[in-house]
Amino acid sequence: MSASVEKQCLNCVHSNGDFDKCYCLYKGKVPFDGVCRKYKLDLLKIKPRPPINLNTDDIVIERI
């Protein structure tokens, strides 16, 4: 698991992934930032970082 992804019920395979009303298959209603021993990361629930904006002036291509 990546160091940038924190263990949270919000990102677990066993939760519904809802920020406001996080519901676990095993524990029922849980806080979105909670975690238990059954935690398993679901990569599809992670929001990717926004892309980096690059200016064309910053890119330098040298000819060989």
PDB file of N, CA and C in Angstrom:
ATOM      1  N   MET A   1       0.847  -1.179   0.000  1.00  0.00           N
ATOM      2  CA  MET A   1       0.000   0.000   0.000  1.00  0.00           C
ATOM      3  C   MET A   1       0.891   1.240   0.000  1.00  0.00           C
ATOM      4  N   SER A   2       0.470   2.231  -0.705  1.00  0.00           N
ATOM      5  CA  SER A   2       1.231   3.462  -0.807  1.00  0.00           C
ATOM      6  C   SER A   2       1.215   4.220   0.519  1.00  0.00           C
ATOM      7  N   ALA A   3       2.308   4.915   0.806  1.00  0.00           N
ATOM      8  CA  ALA A   3       2.404   5.677   2.044  1.00  0.00           C
ATOM      9  C   ALA A   3       1.480   6.889   2.032  1.00  0.00           C
ATOM     10  N   SER A   4       1.081   7.357   0.843  1.00  0.00           N
ATOM     11  CA  SER A   4       0.242   8.547   0.750  1.00  0.00           C
ATOM     12  C   SER A   4      -1.241   8.242   1.012  1.00  0.00           C
ATOM     13  N   VAL A   5      -1.628   6.969   1.023  1.00  0.00           N
ATOM     14  CA  VAL A   5      -3.014   6.596   1.260  1.00  0.00           C
ATOM     15  C   VAL A   5      -3.165   6.154   2.717  1.00  0.00           C
ATOM     16  N   GLU A   6      -3.987   6.873   3.462  1.00  0.00           N
ATOM     17  CA  GLU A   6      -4.203   6.532   4.860  1.00  0.00           C
ATOM     18  C   GLU A   6      -5.250   5.438   4.977  1.00  0.00           C
ATOM     19  N   LYS A   7      -5.104   4.609   6.003  1.00  0.00           N
ATOM     20  CA  LYS A   7      -6.117   3.595   6.267  1.00  0.00           C
ATOM     21  C   LYS A   7      -7.354   4.299   6.805  1.00  0.00           C
ATOM     22  N   GLN A   8      -8.451   4.208   6.074  1.00  0.00           N
ATOM     23  CA  GLN A   8      -9.725   4.796   6.483  1.00  0.00           C
ATOM     24  C   GLN A   8     -10.842   3.885   6.008  1.00  0.00           C
ATOM     25  N   CYS A   9     -11.909   3.813   6.776  1.00  0.00           N
ATOM     26  CA  CYS A   9     -13.069   3.025   6.371  1.00  0.00           C
ATOM     27  C   CYS A   9     -13.612   3.501   5.026  1.00  0.00           C
ATOM     28  N   LEU A  10     -13.424   4.741   4.737  1.00  0.00           N
ATOM     29  CA  LEU A  10     -13.894   5.321   3.482  1.00  0.00           C
ATOM     30  C   LEU A  10     -13.311   4.598   2.270  1.00  0.00           C
ATOM     31  N   ASN A  11     -12.060   4.127   2.372  1.00  0.00           N
ATOM     32  CA  ASN A  11     -11.373   3.477   1.256  1.00  0.00           C
ATOM     33  C   ASN A  11     -11.378   1.953   1.349  1.00  0.00           C
ATOM     34  N   CYS A  12     -12.148   1.380   2.232  1.00  0.00           N
ATOM     35  CA  CYS A  12     -12.149  -0.061   2.469  1.00  0.00           C
ATOM     36  C   CYS A  12     -13.078  -0.792   1.490  1.00  0.00           C
ATOM     37  N   VAL A  13     -12.718  -2.035   1.176  1.00  0.00           N
ATOM     38  CA  VAL A  13     -13.514  -2.886   0.297  1.00  0.00           C
ATOM     39  C   VAL A  13     -14.878  -3.176   0.918  1.00  0.00           C
ATOM     40  N   HIS A  14     -14.932  -3.255   2.236  1.00  0.00           N
ATOM     41  CA  HIS A  14     -16.148  -3.662   2.943  1.00  0.00           C
ATOM     42  C   HIS A  14     -17.095  -2.502   3.253  1.00  0.00           C
ATOM     43  N   SER A  15     -16.749  -1.274   2.864  1.00  0.00           N
ATOM     44  CA  SER A  15     -17.630  -0.125   3.130  1.00  0.00           C
ATOM     45  C   SER A  15     -18.299   0.334   1.836  1.00  0.00           C
ATOM     46  N   ASN A  16     -19.314   1.169   1.998  1.00  0.00           N
ATOM     47  CA  ASN A  16     -20.004   1.697   0.821  1.00  0.00           C
ATOM     48  C   ASN A  16     -19.270   2.891   0.221  1.00  0.00           C
ATOM     49  N   GLY A  17     -18.271   3.431   0.902  1.00  0.00           N
ATOM     50  CA  GLY A  17     -17.461   4.523   0.367  1.00  0.00           C
ATOM     51  C   GLY A  17     -18.117   5.882   0.441  1.00  0.00           C
ATOM     52  N   ASP A  18     -19.196   6.010   1.209  1.00  0.00           N
ATOM     53  CA  ASP A  18     -19.900   7.286   1.336  1.00  0.00           C
ATOM     54  C   ASP A  18     -19.261   8.110   2.445  1.00  0.00           C
ATOM     55  N   PHE A  19     -18.892   9.348   2.141  1.00  0.00           N
ATOM     56  CA  PHE A  19     -18.222  10.222   3.108  1.00  0.00           C
ATOM     57  C   PHE A  19     -19.136  10.577   4.273  1.00  0.00           C
ATOM     58  N   ASP A  20     -20.401  10.849   4.007  1.00  0.00           N
ATOM     59  CA  ASP A  20     -21.329  11.285   5.056  1.00  0.00           C
ATOM     60  C   ASP A  20     -21.851  10.126   5.901  1.00  0.00           C
ATOM     61  N   LYS A  21     -22.252   9.039   5.257  1.00  0.00           N
ATOM     62  CA  LYS A  21     -22.850   7.901   5.963  1.00  0.00           C
ATOM     63  C   LYS A  21     -22.102   6.630   5.588  1.00  0.00           C
ATOM     64  N   CYS A  22     -20.922   6.444   6.167  1.00  0.00           N
ATOM     65  CA  CYS A  22     -20.097   5.289   5.864  1.00  0.00           C
ATOM     66  C   CYS A  22     -20.680   4.053   6.548  1.00  0.00           C
ATOM     67  N   TYR A  23     -20.973   3.023   5.769  1.00  0.00           N
ATOM     68  CA  TYR A  23     -21.577   1.802   6.282  1.00  0.00           C
ATOM     69  C   TYR A  23     -20.669   0.617   5.966  1.00  0.00           C
ATOM     70  N   CYS A  24     -20.282  -0.127   7.005  1.00  0.00           N
ATOM     71  CA  CYS A  24     -19.397  -1.280   6.869  1.00  0.00           C
ATOM     72  C   CYS A  24     -20.228  -2.559   6.810  1.00  0.00           C
ATOM     73  N   LEU A  25     -19.793  -3.521   6.007  1.00  0.00           N
ATOM     74  CA  LEU A  25     -20.460  -4.805   5.884  1.00  0.00           C
ATOM     75  C   LEU A  25     -20.435  -5.571   7.205  1.00  0.00           C
ATOM     76  N   TYR A  26     -19.372  -5.409   7.988  1.00  0.00           N
ATOM     77  CA  TYR A  26     -19.206  -6.147   9.240  1.00  0.00           C
ATOM     78  C   TYR A  26     -19.635  -5.370  10.484  1.00  0.00           C
ATOM     79  N   LYS A  27     -19.331  -4.070  10.533  1.00  0.00           N
ATOM     80  CA  LYS A  27     -19.555  -3.272  11.743  1.00  0.00           C
ATOM     81  C   LYS A  27     -20.810  -2.404  11.701  1.00  0.00           C
ATOM     82  N   GLY A  28     -21.422  -2.246  10.541  1.00  0.00           N
ATOM     83  CA  GLY A  28     -22.578  -1.361  10.426  1.00  0.00           C
ATOM     84  C   GLY A  28     -22.123   0.068  10.197  1.00  0.00           C
ATOM     85  N   LYS A  29     -22.796   1.027  10.821  1.00  0.00           N
ATOM     86  CA  LYS A  29     -22.450   2.435  10.653  1.00  0.00           C
ATOM     87  C   LYS A  29     -21.138   2.727  11.376  1.00  0.00           C
ATOM     88  N   VAL A  30     -20.178   3.304  10.641  1.00  0.00           N
ATOM     89  CA  VAL A  30     -18.854   3.607  11.186  1.00  0.00           C
ATOM     90  C   VAL A  30     -18.435   5.002  10.748  1.00  0.00           C
ATOM     91  N   PRO A  31     -17.499   5.624  11.485  1.00  0.00           N
ATOM     92  CA  PRO A  31     -16.972   6.910  11.021  1.00  0.00           C
ATOM     93  C   PRO A  31     -16.109   6.691   9.781  1.00  0.00           C
ATOM     94  N   PHE A  32     -16.124   7.645   8.862  1.00  0.00           N
ATOM     95  CA  PHE A  32     -15.390   7.493   7.605  1.00  0.00           C
ATOM     96  C   PHE A  32     -13.890   7.372   7.826  1.00  0.00           C
ATOM     97  N   ASP A  33     -13.362   7.943   8.911  1.00  0.00           N
ATOM     98  CA  ASP A  33     -11.920   7.902   9.155  1.00  0.00           C
ATOM     99  C   ASP A  33     -11.513   6.792  10.117  1.00  0.00           C
ATOM    100  N   GLY A  34     -12.448   5.909  10.470  1.00  0.00           N
ATOM    101  CA  GLY A  34     -12.140   4.779  11.342  1.00  0.00           C
ATOM    102  C   GLY A  34     -11.424   3.679  10.573  1.00  0.00           C
ATOM    103  N   VAL A  35     -10.972   2.673  11.313  1.00  0.00           N
ATOM    104  CA  VAL A  35     -10.304   1.524  10.690  1.00  0.00           C
ATOM    105  C   VAL A  35     -10.417   0.329  11.638  1.00  0.00           C
ATOM    106  N   CYS A  36     -10.493  -0.874  11.073  1.00  0.00           N
ATOM    107  CA  CYS A  36     -10.556  -2.081  11.895  1.00  0.00           C
ATOM    108  C   CYS A  36      -9.627  -3.144  11.325  1.00  0.00           C
ATOM    109  N   ARG A  37      -9.599  -4.313  11.936  1.00  0.00           N
ATOM    110  CA  ARG A  37      -8.701  -5.390  11.489  1.00  0.00           C
ATOM    111  C   ARG A  37      -9.111  -5.978  10.147  1.00  0.00           C
ATOM    112  N   LYS A  38     -10.350  -5.811   9.742  1.00  0.00           N
ATOM    113  CA  LYS A  38     -10.832  -6.342   8.465  1.00  0.00           C
ATOM    114  C   LYS A  38     -10.560  -5.386   7.300  1.00  0.00           C
ATOM    115  N   TYR A  39      -9.869  -4.287   7.576  1.00  0.00           N
ATOM    116  CA  TYR A  39      -9.597  -3.274   6.548  1.00  0.00           C
ATOM    117  C   TYR A  39      -8.843  -3.882   5.373  1.00  0.00           C
ATOM    118  N   LYS A  40      -9.315  -3.571   4.178  1.00  0.00           N
ATOM    119  CA  LYS A  40      -8.660  -3.983   2.940  1.00  0.00           C
ATOM    120  C   LYS A  40      -8.849  -2.848   1.939  1.00  0.00           C
ATOM    121  N   LEU A  41      -7.758  -2.328   1.411  1.00  0.00           N
ATOM    122  CA  LEU A  41      -7.798  -1.166   0.523  1.00  0.00           C
ATOM    123  C   LEU A  41      -8.490  -1.493  -0.796  1.00  0.00           C
ATOM    124  N   ASP A  42      -9.423  -0.625  -1.193  1.00  0.00           N
ATOM    125  CA  ASP A  42     -10.081  -0.719  -2.495  1.00  0.00           C
ATOM    126  C   ASP A  42      -9.534   0.417  -3.361  1.00  0.00           C
ATOM    127  N   LEU A  43      -8.712   0.082  -4.331  1.00  0.00           N
ATOM    128  CA  LEU A  43      -8.058   1.099  -5.159  1.00  0.00           C
ATOM    129  C   LEU A  43      -9.033   1.926  -5.981  1.00  0.00           C
ATOM    130  N   LEU A  44     -10.210   1.392  -6.266  1.00  0.00           N
ATOM    131  CA  LEU A  44     -11.190   2.135  -7.060  1.00  0.00           C
ATOM    132  C   LEU A  44     -11.875   3.254  -6.269  1.00  0.00           C
ATOM    133  N   LYS A  45     -11.739   3.257  -4.950  1.00  0.00           N
ATOM    134  CA  LYS A  45     -12.358   4.302  -4.131  1.00  0.00           C
ATOM    135  C   LYS A  45     -11.428   5.477  -3.862  1.00  0.00           C
ATOM    136  N   ILE A  46     -10.188   5.388  -4.301  1.00  0.00           N
ATOM    137  CA  ILE A  46      -9.227   6.461  -4.070  1.00  0.00           C
ATOM    138  C   ILE A  46      -9.331   7.475  -5.197  1.00  0.00           C
ATOM    139  N   LYS A  47      -9.419   8.746  -4.827  1.00  0.00           N
ATOM    140  CA  LYS A  47      -9.471   9.815  -5.820  1.00  0.00           C
ATOM    141  C   LYS A  47      -8.043  10.168  -6.226  1.00  0.00           C
ATOM    142  N   PRO A  48      -7.750  10.183  -7.528  1.00  0.00           N
ATOM    143  CA  PRO A  48      -6.387  10.508  -7.968  1.00  0.00           C
ATOM    144  C   PRO A  48      -6.062  11.982  -7.758  1.00  0.00           C
ATOM    145  N   ARG A  49      -4.781  12.260  -7.666  1.00  0.00           N
ATOM    146  CA  ARG A  49      -4.338  13.652  -7.545  1.00  0.00           C
ATOM    147  C   ARG A  49      -4.602  14.386  -8.854  1.00  0.00           C
ATOM    148  N   PRO A  50      -4.813  15.695  -8.802  1.00  0.00           N
ATOM    149  CA  PRO A  50      -4.994  16.448 -10.043  1.00  0.00           C
ATOM    150  C   PRO A  50      -3.691  16.454 -10.845  1.00  0.00           C
ATOM    151  N   PRO A  51      -3.781  16.510 -12.166  1.00  0.00           N
ATOM    152  CA  PRO A  51      -2.565  16.508 -12.989  1.00  0.00           C
ATOM    153  C   PRO A  51      -1.754  17.785 -12.800  1.00  0.00           C
ATOM    154  N   ILE A  52      -0.469  17.674 -13.025  1.00  0.00           N
ATOM    155  CA  ILE A  52       0.430  18.816 -12.910  1.00  0.00           C
ATOM    156  C   ILE A  52       0.339  19.635 -14.190  1.00  0.00           C
ATOM    157  N   ASN A  53       0.176  20.933 -14.037  1.00  0.00           N
ATOM    158  CA  ASN A  53       0.132  21.825 -15.202  1.00  0.00           C
ATOM    159  C   ASN A  53       1.552  22.229 -15.575  1.00  0.00           C
ATOM    160  N   LEU A  54       1.954  21.889 -16.778  1.00  0.00           N
ATOM    161  CA  LEU A  54       3.281  22.250 -17.260  1.00  0.00           C
ATOM    162  C   LEU A  54       3.169  23.302 -18.349  1.00  0.00           C
ATOM    163  N   ASN A  55       4.014  24.282 -18.269  1.00  0.00           N
ATOM    164  CA  ASN A  55       4.093  25.295 -19.322  1.00  0.00           C
ATOM    165  C   ASN A  55       5.017  24.778 -20.413  1.00  0.00           C
ATOM    166  N   THR A  56       4.712  25.066 -21.658  1.00  0.00           N
ATOM    167  CA  THR A  56       5.583  24.632 -22.751  1.00  0.00           C
ATOM    168  C   THR A  56       6.923  25.362 -22.712  1.00  0.00           C
ATOM    169  N   ASP A  57       6.983  26.491 -22.022  1.00  0.00           N
ATOM    170  CA  ASP A  57       8.237  27.225 -21.889  1.00  0.00           C
ATOM    171  C   ASP A  57       9.214  26.490 -20.968  1.00  0.00           C
ATOM    172  N   ASP A  58       8.685  25.678 -20.046  1.00  0.00           N
ATOM    173  CA  ASP A  58       9.518  24.966 -19.097  1.00  0.00           C
ATOM    174  C   ASP A  58      10.162  23.719 -19.687  1.00  0.00           C
ATOM    175  N   ILE A  59       9.633  23.233 -20.799  1.00  0.00           N
ATOM    176  CA  ILE A  59      10.129  21.997 -21.398  1.00  0.00           C
ATOM    177  C   ILE A  59      11.241  22.318 -22.382  1.00  0.00           C
ATOM    178  N   VAL A  60      12.385  21.684 -22.182  1.00  0.00           N
ATOM    179  CA  VAL A  60      13.538  21.898 -23.050  1.00  0.00           C
ATOM    180  C   VAL A  60      13.899  20.569 -23.700  1.00  0.00           C
ATOM    181  N   ILE A  61      13.927  20.549 -25.022  1.00  0.00           N
ATOM    182  CA  ILE A  61      14.295  19.360 -25.753  1.00  0.00           C
ATOM    183  C   ILE A  61      15.592  19.660 -26.505  1.00  0.00           C
ATOM    184  N   GLU A  62      16.604  18.851 -26.210  1.00  0.00           N
ATOM    185  CA  GLU A  62      17.895  19.056 -26.855  1.00  0.00           C
ATOM    186  C   GLU A  62      18.045  18.089 -28.012  1.00  0.00           C
ATOM    187  N   ARG A  63      18.610  18.562 -29.094  1.00  0.00           N
ATOM    188  CA  ARG A  63      18.889  17.698 -30.242  1.00  0.00           C
ATOM    189  C   ARG A  63      20.246  17.043 -30.038  1.00  0.00           C
ATOM    190  N   ILE A  64      20.312  15.802 -30.410  1.00  0.00           N
ATOM    191  CA  ILE A  64      21.576  15.069 -30.266  1.00  0.00           C
ATOM    192  C   ILE A  64      22.318  15.078 -31.585  1.00  0.00           C
TER     193      ILE A  64
END
